[in-house]
Amino acid sequence: MIQGHNNNRHLTQEELDNNIGGLPVTNQKIREVFDQLDSSKNGFLEFTELKKWYRQFENYGLDYTDKEIDAQVRKYSKSEDGTVTYDEFACIVLALAQR
């Protein structure tokens, strides 16, 4: 028991589906976001699509440069053609959720 904490409170479904920063953290929610971002519907995200999405999240007052975002994305994207697969995108989302 945590003193001063409401130990009887249950998480809502929204709290289970999203972390404190509002990022999707279930496979279904991540897939929904990926499909929305995949404007060409080819099963890949272009780095430009991903960068726009990445910038919308709270970065604690920091504005990331394109170079910094590229570095973060390249940690998980193994392709040389500037695209991200769903699995790579899911890893990026989960890494962002852990910050």
Protein backbone atom coordinates (compact mmCIF):
# COMPACT_ATOMS: atom_id res chain seq x y z
CA MET A 1 0.00 0.00 0.00
CA ILE A 2 1.20 3.46 -0.86
CA GLN A 3 0.34 5.94 1.85
CA GLY A 4 -1.66 8.91 0.57
CA HIS A 5 -2.45 7.11 -2.70
CA ASN A 6 -5.88 5.86 -3.72
CA ASN A 7 -5.02 2.19 -3.85
CA ASN A 8 -8.61 1.23 -4.71
CA ARG A 9 -8.74 3.26 -7.91
CA HIS A 10 -8.76 1.26 -11.13
CA LEU A 11 -7.30 2.55 -14.36
CA THR A 12 -9.77 3.56 -17.03
CA GLN A 13 -9.62 1.94 -20.46
CA GLU A 14 -8.22 5.19 -21.86
CA GLU A 15 -5.45 5.14 -19.25
CA LEU A 16 -4.67 1.55 -20.19
CA ASP A 17 -4.58 2.38 -23.90
CA ASN A 18 -2.47 5.54 -23.62
CA ASN A 19 0.43 6.56 -21.48
CA ILE A 20 0.67 9.88 -19.65
CA GLY A 21 1.93 11.66 -22.77
CA GLY A 22 -1.03 10.49 -24.82
CA LEU A 23 0.95 8.05 -26.94
CA PRO A 24 -0.80 4.88 -28.06
CA VAL A 25 0.71 1.89 -26.30
CA THR A 26 -1.41 -1.06 -27.42
CA ASN A 27 -0.83 -2.87 -30.68
CA GLN A 28 -4.28 -1.87 -31.94
CA LYS A 29 -3.76 1.83 -31.14
CA ILE A 30 -0.25 1.87 -32.63
CA ARG A 31 -1.60 0.23 -35.79
CA GLU A 32 -4.37 2.85 -36.04
CA VAL A 33 -1.84 5.68 -35.84
CA PHE A 34 0.47 3.98 -38.33
CA ASP A 35 -2.38 3.50 -40.81
CA GLN A 36 -3.40 7.17 -40.44
CA LEU A 37 0.16 8.34 -41.06
CA ASP A 38 0.70 6.02 -44.03
CA SER A 39 -0.74 8.47 -46.58
CA SER A 40 0.42 6.42 -49.58
CA LYS A 41 -1.02 3.21 -48.04
CA ASN A 42 2.09 1.27 -49.04
CA GLY A 43 2.79 -0.20 -45.59
CA PHE A 44 5.73 2.12 -44.94
CA LEU A 45 6.11 5.57 -43.44
CA GLU A 46 8.36 8.10 -45.09
CA PHE A 47 10.71 9.89 -42.70
CA THR A 48 8.93 13.16 -43.59
CA GLU A 49 5.58 11.71 -42.44
CA LEU A 50 7.15 10.44 -39.26
CA LYS A 51 8.93 13.71 -38.48
CA LYS A 52 5.68 15.68 -38.59
CA TRP A 53 4.10 13.21 -36.17
CA TYR A 54 7.17 13.14 -33.90
CA ARG A 55 7.18 16.94 -33.52
CA GLN A 56 3.62 17.07 -32.17
CA PHE A 57 4.52 15.41 -28.87
CA GLU A 58 5.62 17.18 -25.73
CA ASN A 59 9.38 17.31 -25.72
CA TYR A 60 9.60 19.15 -22.41
CA GLY A 61 10.32 22.50 -24.02
CA LEU A 62 12.89 21.19 -26.47
CA ASP A 63 12.53 21.62 -30.20
CA TYR A 64 14.26 18.76 -31.93
CA THR A 65 16.16 19.45 -35.13
CA ASP A 66 15.68 17.28 -38.19
CA LYS A 67 19.11 15.78 -37.50
CA GLU A 68 18.12 14.81 -33.94
CA ILE A 69 14.84 13.25 -35.08
CA ASP A 70 16.67 11.37 -37.84
CA ALA A 71 19.08 9.99 -35.24
CA GLN A 72 16.21 8.79 -33.03
CA VAL A 73 14.37 7.18 -35.96
CA ARG A 74 17.51 5.52 -37.32
CA LYS A 75 17.99 3.71 -34.00
CA TYR A 76 15.01 1.58 -35.00
CA SER A 77 14.79 1.87 -38.80
CA LYS A 78 17.18 -0.44 -40.58
CA SER A 79 16.29 0.59 -44.14
CA GLU A 80 18.48 2.90 -46.16
CA ASP A 81 15.62 4.25 -48.26
CA GLY A 82 14.15 6.65 -45.68
CA THR A 83 11.14 4.52 -44.75
CA VAL A 84 9.89 2.94 -41.53
CA THR A 85 7.97 -0.33 -41.28
CA TYR A 86 5.14 -0.91 -38.83
CA ASP A 87 7.39 -2.92 -36.47
CA GLU A 88 10.03 -0.17 -36.50
CA PHE A 89 7.31 2.44 -35.88
CA ALA A 90 5.98 0.43 -32.93
CA CYS A 91 9.47 0.39 -31.39
CA ILE A 92 9.76 4.16 -31.85
CA VAL A 93 6.36 4.73 -30.20
CA LEU A 94 7.19 2.50 -27.24
CA ALA A 95 10.57 4.20 -26.81
CA LEU A 96 8.83 7.60 -26.78
CA ALA A 97 6.32 6.31 -24.22
CA GLN A 98 9.17 5.39 -21.89
CA ARG A 99 10.69 8.88 -21.78
